[in-house]
């Protein structure tokens, strides 16, 4: 029996996800434009501007003309000055959408948005009427006036009870406002960092202004007719240079575009032996956890053994009973300099890989990047509900989207991550002489040792042919 409830889609899954993402980004840009339009309209609002309740022939002073004057007048008439809270909320939603984090429980956020504006409007009206200093509806808006009008009998005239009610409404409004913003913990930390750095810059600016003013105040003024620049001009020049330097592009780049520092802990240049020895998970599980957050330099070198040093010394060849292996100097030596991938390039590739996976409907985060001599391993921590088989089946699509020859996707045993191996653009050549002259070759202890090559972390791998019926070598 056929399933008639199955969704029919004329586009491939990747294309559908792509169009959904672009639609969300367009919506985010529209919200940002609306918030900026509302901000500029409210800032340039004037009571004398013509609007729906003010017919006048006077010139419109609003920066957005008649539409801006009408929108600003209606907004202030309804919600009063609490309408300004709508601007950061719209900007926050725009940021969440354009960064593809989404606004969860959207309709609930719409309700809390109305609650926020209503509570602050009512609280404003409550304060104005209690102190009998103002009776202006536009300060609190029509909403605040109506709520106050129908609840006047419930509000006590006792000063203590009044302060309690006002404080409770203020706390309710703040909680509702913070919830409506939909910002995560990391985003609140960035906002705190922004204001902390901004206040620090302002403090240093004020301190420097006062000190330079005091120094130049005790200097004698230049004589008339002198070509010497006045202290006033010097002070202005110094201050301008100082302010332009302290609030330079580097300041804003540090605030908003410093993603490399955040991503540094995700880049681990060496893999060591922890993936190679996955069969003994119980023995190596603790060491894997300890090394997970460690950052080591990508300058790992193979430790040379005694063989190369012994062969470099001259021998008389008197003992004919000893069988000597062919000398190492018959093999080529590695003369090329090791080319390492920069952390910026690894970060860019990781972000690109996250974007590619998102286009195919796979949400998750790259938590580790392990560059090797031939391939780079990206550890993906998928979101809840994402099956590993879905990611593994996208290996060919990932390779095509990342412009790679091939891609290998597999679950890493013992960890809640999926490994994605992509070949490096600059593949290193593994020299046999480098492997045979290493200390690991001498300490292998095998009767018939075979040098296989290097693992993804750059460590030499050897196998004893006498202990195995067959050998399987896999690579990219």
Protein backbone atom coordinates (compact mmCIF):
# COMPACT_ATOMS: atom_id res chain seq x y z
CA UNK A 1 0.00 0.00 0.00
CA UNK A 2 1.44 3.34 -1.02
CA UNK A 3 1.95 6.12 1.50
CA UNK A 4 -0.11 9.10 0.38
CA UNK A 5 1.12 11.33 3.23
CA UNK A 6 4.68 11.45 1.94
CA UNK A 7 5.94 14.97 1.21
CA UNK A 8 6.56 15.63 -2.47
CA UNK A 9 9.54 17.87 -3.20
CA UNK A 10 10.66 18.92 -6.66
CA UNK A 11 14.06 20.12 -5.41
CA UNK A 12 16.92 18.07 -3.96
CA UNK A 13 17.38 18.21 -0.21
CA UNK A 14 20.51 20.34 -0.46
CA UNK A 15 18.83 22.91 -2.73
CA UNK A 16 15.81 23.16 -0.41
CA UNK A 17 18.09 23.81 2.56
CA UNK A 18 20.02 26.41 0.54
CA UNK A 19 16.86 28.37 -0.38
CA UNK A 20 15.62 28.20 3.21
CA UNK A 21 18.89 29.68 4.48
CA UNK A 22 18.80 32.49 1.92
CA UNK A 23 15.17 33.26 2.82
CA UNK A 24 16.08 33.51 6.51
CA UNK A 25 19.00 35.82 5.68
CA UNK A 26 16.73 38.10 3.61
CA UNK A 27 14.27 38.22 6.53
CA UNK A 28 17.14 39.13 8.88
CA UNK A 29 18.19 42.01 6.62
CA UNK A 30 14.58 43.25 6.48
CA UNK A 31 14.38 43.25 10.30
CA UNK A 32 17.67 45.14 10.52
CA UNK A 33 16.46 47.77 8.03
CA UNK A 34 13.18 48.15 9.97
CA UNK A 35 15.04 48.63 13.26
CA UNK A 36 17.32 51.29 11.74
CA UNK A 37 14.33 53.01 10.10
CA UNK A 38 12.47 53.08 13.43
CA UNK A 39 15.56 54.32 15.31
CA UNK A 40 16.25 57.22 12.94
CA UNK A 41 12.54 58.11 12.74
CA UNK A 42 12.22 58.24 16.54
CA UNK A 43 15.46 60.19 17.03
CA UNK A 44 14.40 62.84 14.50
CA UNK A 45 10.77 62.93 15.73
CA UNK A 46 9.16 66.33 16.22
CA UNK A 47 5.66 67.21 17.46
CA UNK A 48 5.38 69.89 14.80
CA UNK A 49 5.77 67.41 11.94
CA UNK A 50 2.58 66.63 9.98
CA UNK A 51 1.04 63.27 10.89
CA UNK A 52 -2.33 61.52 11.04
CA UNK A 53 -3.40 63.54 14.12
CA UNK A 54 -1.56 66.76 13.29
CA UNK A 55 -2.54 68.54 10.08
CA UNK A 56 -0.07 71.32 9.39
CA UNK A 57 1.68 72.99 6.49
CA UNK A 58 5.03 73.13 8.28
CA UNK A 59 8.08 71.52 6.74
CA UNK A 60 8.80 67.92 7.76
CA UNK A 61 11.93 67.78 9.91
CA UNK A 62 12.00 63.98 10.21
CA UNK A 63 15.01 62.49 8.44
CA UNK A 64 12.81 59.95 6.67
CA UNK A 65 10.28 62.55 5.62
CA UNK A 66 6.53 62.10 5.97
CA UNK A 67 6.61 58.26 6.32
CA UNK A 68 9.12 58.54 9.16
CA UNK A 69 7.08 61.27 10.88
CA UNK A 70 3.86 59.21 10.69
CA UNK A 71 5.49 55.97 11.94
CA UNK A 72 7.25 57.76 14.82
CA UNK A 73 4.07 59.61 15.84
CA UNK A 74 1.92 56.45 15.83
CA UNK A 75 4.56 54.46 17.77
CA UNK A 76 4.96 57.09 20.48
CA UNK A 77 1.21 57.68 20.72
CA UNK A 78 0.57 53.96 21.34
CA UNK A 79 3.52 52.85 23.52
CA UNK A 80 5.23 56.09 24.51
CA UNK A 81 8.97 56.10 24.91
CA UNK A 82 8.98 52.38 25.68
CA UNK A 83 8.82 51.89 21.88
CA UNK A 84 12.61 52.42 21.91
CA UNK A 85 12.90 48.91 23.42
CA UNK A 86 11.60 47.49 20.14
CA UNK A 87 14.81 48.58 18.35
CA UNK A 88 17.33 46.34 20.21
CA UNK A 89 14.82 43.46 20.06
CA UNK A 90 14.55 43.71 16.26
CA UNK A 91 18.35 44.00 15.96
CA UNK A 92 18.81 40.96 18.20
CA UNK A 93 16.39 38.90 16.12
CA UNK A 94 18.15 40.04 12.96
CA UNK A 95 21.50 38.92 14.38
CA UNK A 96 20.11 35.54 15.45
CA UNK A 97 18.62 34.92 12.00
CA UNK A 98 21.62 36.06 9.96
CA UNK A 99 23.94 33.86 12.07
CA UNK A 100 21.51 30.93 11.53
CA UNK A 101 20.90 30.46 15.25
CA UNK A 102 17.19 31.12 14.90
CA UNK A 103 14.60 32.66 17.22
CA UNK A 104 13.13 29.81 19.23
CA UNK A 105 9.44 29.92 20.24
CA UNK A 106 8.84 32.85 17.91
CA UNK A 107 5.14 33.35 18.69
CA UNK A 108 5.84 33.27 22.40
CA UNK A 109 8.50 35.95 21.84
CA UNK A 110 5.88 38.08 20.03
CA UNK A 111 3.65 37.84 23.12
CA UNK A 112 6.51 38.73 25.48
CA UNK A 113 7.40 41.65 23.19
CA UNK A 114 3.89 43.09 23.59
CA UNK A 115 4.09 42.37 27.33
CA UNK A 116 7.43 44.20 27.59
CA UNK A 117 6.18 47.33 25.83
CA UNK A 118 2.92 47.31 27.81
CA UNK A 119 4.59 46.82 31.21
CA UNK A 120 7.15 49.60 30.71
CA UNK A 121 4.46 51.90 29.30
CA UNK A 122 2.24 51.26 32.35
CA UNK A 123 5.14 51.64 34.79
CA UNK A 124 6.02 54.98 33.21
CA UNK A 125 2.42 56.19 33.52
CA UNK A 126 2.33 54.96 37.12
CA UNK A 127 5.38 57.00 38.10
CA UNK A 128 4.22 60.15 36.31
CA UNK A 129 0.77 60.15 37.88
CA UNK A 130 1.95 59.24 41.38
CA UNK A 131 4.28 62.21 41.63
CA UNK A 132 1.78 64.47 39.81
CA UNK A 133 4.57 66.09 37.85
CA UNK A 134 3.43 65.20 34.35
CA UNK A 135 0.17 64.32 32.71
CA UNK A 136 1.51 63.78 29.20
CA UNK A 137 0.09 60.76 27.43
CA UNK A 138 2.90 60.67 24.86
CA UNK A 139 5.48 59.87 27.54
CA UNK A 140 3.78 56.60 28.51
CA UNK A 141 1.56 56.06 25.48
CA UNK A 142 -2.07 55.14 25.08
CA UNK A 143 -1.45 51.59 26.32
CA UNK A 144 0.01 52.75 29.63
CA UNK A 145 -2.78 55.30 30.13
CA UNK A 146 -5.53 52.72 29.53
CA UNK A 147 -3.99 50.14 31.87
CA UNK A 148 -3.56 52.80 34.55
CA UNK A 149 -7.12 54.05 34.07
CA UNK A 150 -8.71 50.62 34.63
CA UNK A 151 -6.38 49.62 37.48
CA UNK A 152 -6.39 52.89 39.44
CA UNK A 153 -8.76 51.45 42.03
CA UNK A 154 -6.46 48.50 42.73
CA UNK A 155 -3.36 50.61 43.35
CA UNK A 156 -2.86 51.79 46.92
CA UNK A 157 -1.82 55.34 47.69
CA UNK A 158 0.56 54.05 50.36
CA UNK A 159 4.11 54.99 49.37
CA UNK A 160 5.61 51.63 50.40
CA UNK A 161 3.02 49.57 48.53
CA UNK A 162 3.42 51.85 45.52
CA UNK A 163 7.18 51.35 45.42
CA UNK A 164 6.65 47.59 45.74
CA UNK A 165 4.19 47.50 42.82
CA UNK A 166 6.40 49.73 40.68
CA UNK A 167 9.47 47.59 41.42
CA UNK A 168 7.63 44.36 40.62
CA UNK A 169 6.44 45.73 37.28
CA UNK A 170 9.94 46.98 36.49
CA UNK A 171 11.45 43.55 37.25
CA UNK A 172 8.73 41.87 35.18
CA UNK A 173 9.48 44.20 32.26
CA UNK A 174 13.24 43.58 32.49
CA UNK A 175 12.82 39.78 32.59
CA UNK A 176 10.40 39.89 29.67
CA UNK A 177 12.76 42.17 27.71
CA UNK A 178 15.80 39.92 28.27
CA UNK A 179 13.81 36.81 27.30
CA UNK A 180 12.48 38.50 24.15
CA UNK A 181 16.00 39.40 22.99
CA UNK A 182 16.69 35.65 22.52
CA UNK A 183 20.43 36.07 23.10
CA UNK A 184 22.59 33.17 24.27
CA UNK A 185 25.16 33.14 27.05
CA UNK A 186 28.09 33.63 24.64
CA UNK A 187 26.37 36.63 23.06
CA UNK A 188 25.77 38.23 26.47
CA UNK A 189 29.45 37.69 27.25
CA UNK A 190 30.38 39.50 24.02
CA UNK A 191 28.09 42.40 24.93
CA UNK A 192 29.69 42.60 28.38
CA UNK A 193 33.15 42.51 26.80
CA UNK A 194 32.12 45.27 24.39
CA UNK A 195 30.97 47.66 27.15
CA UNK A 196 33.93 46.77 29.35
CA UNK A 197 36.40 47.59 26.59
CA UNK A 198 34.44 50.69 25.57
CA UNK A 199 34.40 52.09 29.12
CA UNK A 200 38.11 51.35 29.43
CA UNK A 201 38.84 53.29 26.23
CA UNK A 202 36.67 56.21 27.35
CA UNK A 203 38.40 56.30 30.75
CA UNK A 204 41.87 56.38 29.17
CA UNK A 205 40.73 59.06 26.73
CA UNK A 206 39.42 61.32 29.52
CA UNK A 207 42.55 60.71 31.61
CA UNK A 208 44.83 61.53 28.68
CA UNK A 209 42.83 64.68 27.86
CA UNK A 210 43.18 65.99 31.40
CA UNK A 211 46.92 65.26 31.56
CA UNK A 212 47.74 66.85 28.20
CA UNK A 213 45.65 69.89 29.14
CA UNK A 214 47.58 70.32 32.41
CA UNK A 215 50.98 69.99 30.71
CA UNK A 216 50.23 72.55 28.02
CA UNK A 217 48.62 74.97 30.49
CA UNK A 218 52.01 75.69 32.14
CA UNK A 219 53.81 76.40 28.86
CA UNK A 220 54.32 80.08 27.91
CA UNK A 221 52.31 81.26 24.93
CA UNK A 222 54.28 81.98 21.71
CA UNK A 223 55.26 85.55 20.88
CA UNK A 224 53.31 87.54 18.36
CA UNK A 225 54.56 87.13 14.83
CA UNK A 226 56.17 83.83 15.72
CA UNK A 227 55.73 80.90 13.34
CA UNK A 228 55.52 78.47 16.25
CA UNK A 229 52.29 76.50 16.39
CA UNK A 230 50.08 77.49 19.32
CA UNK A 231 49.52 75.13 22.24
CA UNK A 232 45.82 75.05 21.49
CA UNK A 233 46.46 73.74 17.99
CA UNK A 234 48.98 71.21 19.32
CA UNK A 235 46.51 70.02 21.92
CA UNK A 236 43.76 69.55 19.34
CA UNK A 237 46.15 67.70 17.02
CA UNK A 238 47.42 65.42 19.80
CA UNK A 239 43.92 64.69 21.01
CA UNK A 240 42.64 63.93 17.52
CA UNK A 241 45.53 61.53 16.88
CA UNK A 242 45.04 59.87 20.26
CA UNK A 243 41.28 59.38 19.84
CA UNK A 244 41.66 58.13 16.26
CA UNK A 245 44.27 55.66 17.47
CA UNK A 246 42.40 54.40 20.52
CA UNK A 247 39.14 53.98 18.58
CA UNK A 248 40.82 52.64 15.44
CA UNK A 249 39.59 49.87 13.17
CA UNK A 250 41.64 47.46 15.28
CA UNK A 251 39.40 48.25 18.27
CA UNK A 252 36.22 47.25 16.42
CA UNK A 253 37.93 44.28 14.79
CA UNK A 254 38.87 43.03 18.24
CA UNK A 255 35.26 43.34 19.38
CA UNK A 256 33.34 41.86 16.46
CA UNK A 257 35.70 39.94 14.17
CA UNK A 258 38.12 38.26 16.55
CA UNK A 259 36.98 34.71 15.84
CA UNK A 260 40.46 33.21 15.65
CA UNK A 261 41.05 33.54 19.40
CA UNK A 262 37.77 31.79 20.08
CA UNK A 263 38.61 29.03 17.63
CA UNK A 264 42.21 28.48 18.75
CA UNK A 265 41.29 25.87 21.34
CA UNK A 266 39.59 23.83 18.62
CA UNK A 267 42.76 23.37 16.57
CA UNK A 268 44.97 20.50 17.64
CA UNK A 269 47.85 20.03 15.19
CA UNK A 270 48.82 16.48 16.16
CA UNK A 271 46.72 13.38 16.53
CA UNK A 272 49.36 11.23 18.25
CA UNK A 273 48.46 7.57 18.68
CA UNK A 274 44.96 7.98 20.16
CA UNK A 275 43.01 7.32 16.92
CA UNK A 276 45.47 4.67 15.72
CA UNK A 277 44.95 2.56 18.85
CA UNK A 278 41.15 2.60 18.95
CA UNK A 279 41.00 -1.17 19.50
CA UNK A 280 42.26 -0.70 23.07
CA UNK A 281 39.75 1.99 24.04
CA UNK A 282 39.72 1.09 27.70
CA UNK A 283 43.48 1.68 28.00
CA UNK A 284 43.64 4.92 26.03
CA UNK A 285 40.28 6.52 26.90
CA UNK A 286 41.67 8.65 29.75
CA UNK A 287 44.67 9.89 27.76
CA UNK A 288 42.35 10.93 24.90
CA UNK A 289 40.24 13.01 27.27
CA UNK A 290 43.30 14.66 28.80
CA UNK A 291 44.76 15.60 25.38
CA UNK A 292 41.48 16.79 23.94
CA UNK A 293 41.84 20.39 24.97
CA UNK A 294 45.63 20.61 24.56
CA UNK A 295 47.19 22.72 21.84
CA UNK A 296 50.63 21.58 20.68
CA UNK A 297 52.83 23.05 17.99
CA UNK A 298 52.83 21.40 14.57
CA UNK A 299 56.58 20.88 14.51
CA UNK A 300 56.72 17.20 15.46
CA UNK A 301 59.91 15.54 14.25
CA UNK A 302 60.81 11.88 14.10
CA UNK A 303 63.46 11.02 16.68
CA UNK A 304 66.52 9.56 14.95
CA UNK A 305 67.95 6.27 16.13
CA UNK A 306 71.52 5.01 16.45
CA UNK A 307 71.68 3.29 13.06
CA UNK A 308 72.34 6.38 10.97
CA UNK A 309 75.08 7.54 13.33
CA UNK A 310 76.77 4.14 13.33
CA UNK A 311 76.70 3.93 9.53
CA UNK A 312 78.28 7.35 9.29
CA UNK A 313 81.39 6.00 11.05
CA UNK A 314 84.00 4.12 8.99
CA UNK A 315 84.26 0.32 9.49
CA UNK A 316 87.09 -2.09 8.76
CA UNK A 317 84.76 -5.00 7.92
CA UNK A 318 86.86 -7.64 9.77
CA UNK A 319 83.91 -9.52 11.24
CA UNK A 320 82.42 -11.42 8.30
CA UNK A 321 79.84 -13.37 10.37
CA UNK A 322 77.64 -10.28 10.91
CA UNK A 323 75.06 -9.68 8.20
CA UNK A 324 74.63 -5.99 7.55
CA UNK A 325 71.58 -4.38 6.01
CA UNK A 326 71.98 -2.09 3.02
CA UNK A 327 73.15 1.34 4.17
CA UNK A 328 70.66 4.15 4.57
CA UNK A 329 72.60 6.54 2.34
CA UNK A 330 71.30 4.61 -0.66
CA UNK A 331 67.88 6.12 0.04
CA UNK A 332 66.91 9.70 -0.73
CA UNK A 333 66.90 12.21 2.11
CA UNK A 334 64.17 14.74 2.74
CA UNK A 335 65.57 18.13 1.73
CA UNK A 336 62.26 19.98 1.44
CA UNK A 337 61.12 22.23 4.23
CA UNK A 338 58.00 21.15 6.06
CA UNK A 339 55.04 23.27 4.99
CA UNK A 340 52.51 23.78 7.75
CA UNK A 341 48.94 24.99 7.38
CA UNK A 342 48.18 28.23 9.20
CA UNK A 343 45.53 28.34 11.92
CA UNK A 344 43.62 30.96 9.92
CA UNK A 345 43.34 28.59 6.95
CA UNK A 346 42.21 25.73 9.21
CA UNK A 347 39.62 27.97 10.82
CA UNK A 348 38.33 29.10 7.44
CA UNK A 349 38.06 25.50 6.21
CA UNK A 350 36.22 24.50 9.39
CA UNK A 351 33.71 27.33 9.00
CA UNK A 352 33.25 26.42 5.34
CA UNK A 353 32.69 22.76 6.26
CA UNK A 354 30.07 23.78 8.85
CA UNK A 355 28.32 25.85 6.19
CA UNK A 356 28.39 22.96 3.69
CA UNK A 357 26.92 20.56 6.26
CA UNK A 358 24.26 23.12 7.14
CA UNK A 359 23.28 23.36 3.46
CA UNK A 360 22.59 19.62 3.51
CA UNK A 361 20.50 19.88 6.69
CA UNK A 362 23.22 18.72 9.12
CA UNK A 363 23.52 21.03 12.11
CA UNK A 364 26.54 20.71 14.38
CA UNK A 365 29.88 22.21 15.33
CA UNK A 366 33.49 21.43 14.44
CA UNK A 367 35.09 21.01 17.87
CA UNK A 368 38.56 19.82 16.82
CA UNK A 369 40.81 20.26 13.80
CA UNK A 370 43.79 17.90 13.51
CA UNK A 371 46.07 18.65 10.54
CA UNK A 372 48.34 15.85 9.33
CA UNK A 373 50.99 15.48 6.62
CA UNK A 374 48.51 14.28 3.99
CA UNK A 375 44.98 14.73 5.36
CA UNK A 376 43.27 16.91 7.96
CA UNK A 377 40.74 15.47 10.38
CA UNK A 378 37.74 17.61 11.34
CA UNK A 379 35.80 16.35 14.36
CA UNK A 380 32.11 17.15 14.00
CA UNK A 381 29.85 17.14 17.05
CA UNK A 382 26.38 16.78 15.49
CA UNK A 383 23.27 18.29 17.04
CA UNK A 384 20.83 16.11 18.92
CA UNK A 385 18.73 13.93 16.64
CA UNK A 386 21.26 13.85 13.77
CA UNK A 387 22.05 10.28 12.73
CA UNK A 388 25.64 9.38 11.90
CA UNK A 389 24.50 7.51 8.79
CA UNK A 390 23.14 10.76 7.32
CA UNK A 391 26.53 12.42 7.63
CA UNK A 392 28.44 9.37 6.36
CA UNK A 393 26.24 9.16 3.25
CA UNK A 394 27.21 12.73 2.33
CA UNK A 395 30.92 11.93 1.87
CA UNK A 396 30.88 12.49 -1.91
CA UNK A 397 28.80 15.68 -1.60
CA UNK A 398 31.16 17.04 1.07
CA UNK A 399 34.19 16.36 -1.16
CA UNK A 400 32.49 18.09 -4.10
CA UNK A 401 31.42 21.14 -2.05
CA UNK A 402 34.87 21.46 -0.43
CA UNK A 403 36.60 21.08 -3.84
CA UNK A 404 38.49 18.04 -2.55
CA UNK A 405 39.51 14.86 -4.39
CA UNK A 406 37.73 12.69 -1.86
CA UNK A 407 36.42 12.72 1.69
CA UNK A 408 36.30 10.02 4.34
CA UNK A 409 33.57 10.21 6.98
CA UNK A 410 33.38 7.79 9.90
CA UNK A 411 32.40 7.67 13.56
CA UNK A 412 35.39 7.91 15.91
CA UNK A 413 35.07 5.02 18.40
CA UNK A 414 34.67 6.00 22.02
CA UNK A 415 33.76 9.62 21.25
CA UNK A 416 30.54 11.48 20.50
CA UNK A 417 31.99 12.93 17.31
CA UNK A 418 32.12 12.11 13.62
CA UNK A 419 35.49 12.33 11.88
CA UNK A 420 35.68 13.98 8.46
CA UNK A 421 39.04 13.55 6.69
CA UNK A 422 39.86 15.89 3.81
CA UNK A 423 43.14 15.78 1.81
CA UNK A 424 45.52 18.70 2.19
CA UNK A 425 46.20 20.95 -0.77
CA UNK A 426 49.96 20.53 -0.16
CA UNK A 427 50.62 16.84 0.50
CA UNK A 428 53.91 15.96 2.17
CA UNK A 429 56.12 13.18 0.80
CA UNK A 430 57.01 10.47 3.31
CA UNK A 431 60.60 9.28 2.82
CA UNK A 432 61.56 5.69 3.64
CA UNK A 433 64.97 6.77 4.94
CA UNK A 434 63.32 9.01 7.52
CA UNK A 435 61.27 6.07 8.81
CA UNK A 436 64.10 3.49 8.89
CA UNK A 437 66.48 5.85 10.67
CA UNK A 438 63.97 6.66 13.39
CA UNK A 439 64.14 5.47 16.96
CA UNK A 440 60.71 3.85 16.61
CA UNK A 441 62.12 1.56 13.91
CA UNK A 442 64.84 0.30 16.24
CA UNK A 443 62.42 -0.16 19.15
CA UNK A 444 59.76 -1.95 17.11
CA UNK A 445 61.08 -5.36 18.22
CA UNK A 446 59.72 -7.22 15.21
CA UNK A 447 61.50 -10.05 13.42
CA UNK A 448 60.45 -8.77 10.01
CA UNK A 449 59.59 -5.11 10.45
CA UNK A 450 57.89 -3.29 7.62
CA UNK A 451 57.80 0.52 7.47
CA UNK A 452 54.26 1.51 6.43
CA UNK A 453 54.47 5.30 6.59
CA UNK A 454 53.10 8.02 8.85
CA UNK A 455 49.72 8.35 10.51
CA UNK A 456 47.55 11.48 10.35
CA UNK A 457 49.54 13.00 13.21
CA UNK A 458 52.91 12.52 11.47
CA UNK A 459 54.16 9.62 13.61
CA UNK A 460 55.90 6.64 11.93
CA UNK A 461 53.96 3.38 11.68
CA UNK A 462 55.63 -0.04 11.58
CA UNK A 463 54.23 -3.56 11.34
CA UNK A 464 55.70 -7.02 11.97
CA UNK A 465 54.91 -9.28 9.01
CA UNK A 466 55.60 -12.45 11.02
CA UNK A 467 52.61 -11.79 13.29
CA UNK A 468 49.94 -11.21 10.67
CA UNK A 469 48.44 -13.25 7.85
CA UNK A 470 47.48 -10.14 5.89
CA UNK A 471 47.84 -6.36 6.01
CA UNK A 472 45.24 -3.74 5.13
CA UNK A 473 46.51 -0.24 4.39
CA UNK A 474 43.94 2.52 3.89
CA UNK A 475 44.48 6.12 2.99
CA UNK A 476 43.30 9.11 1.03
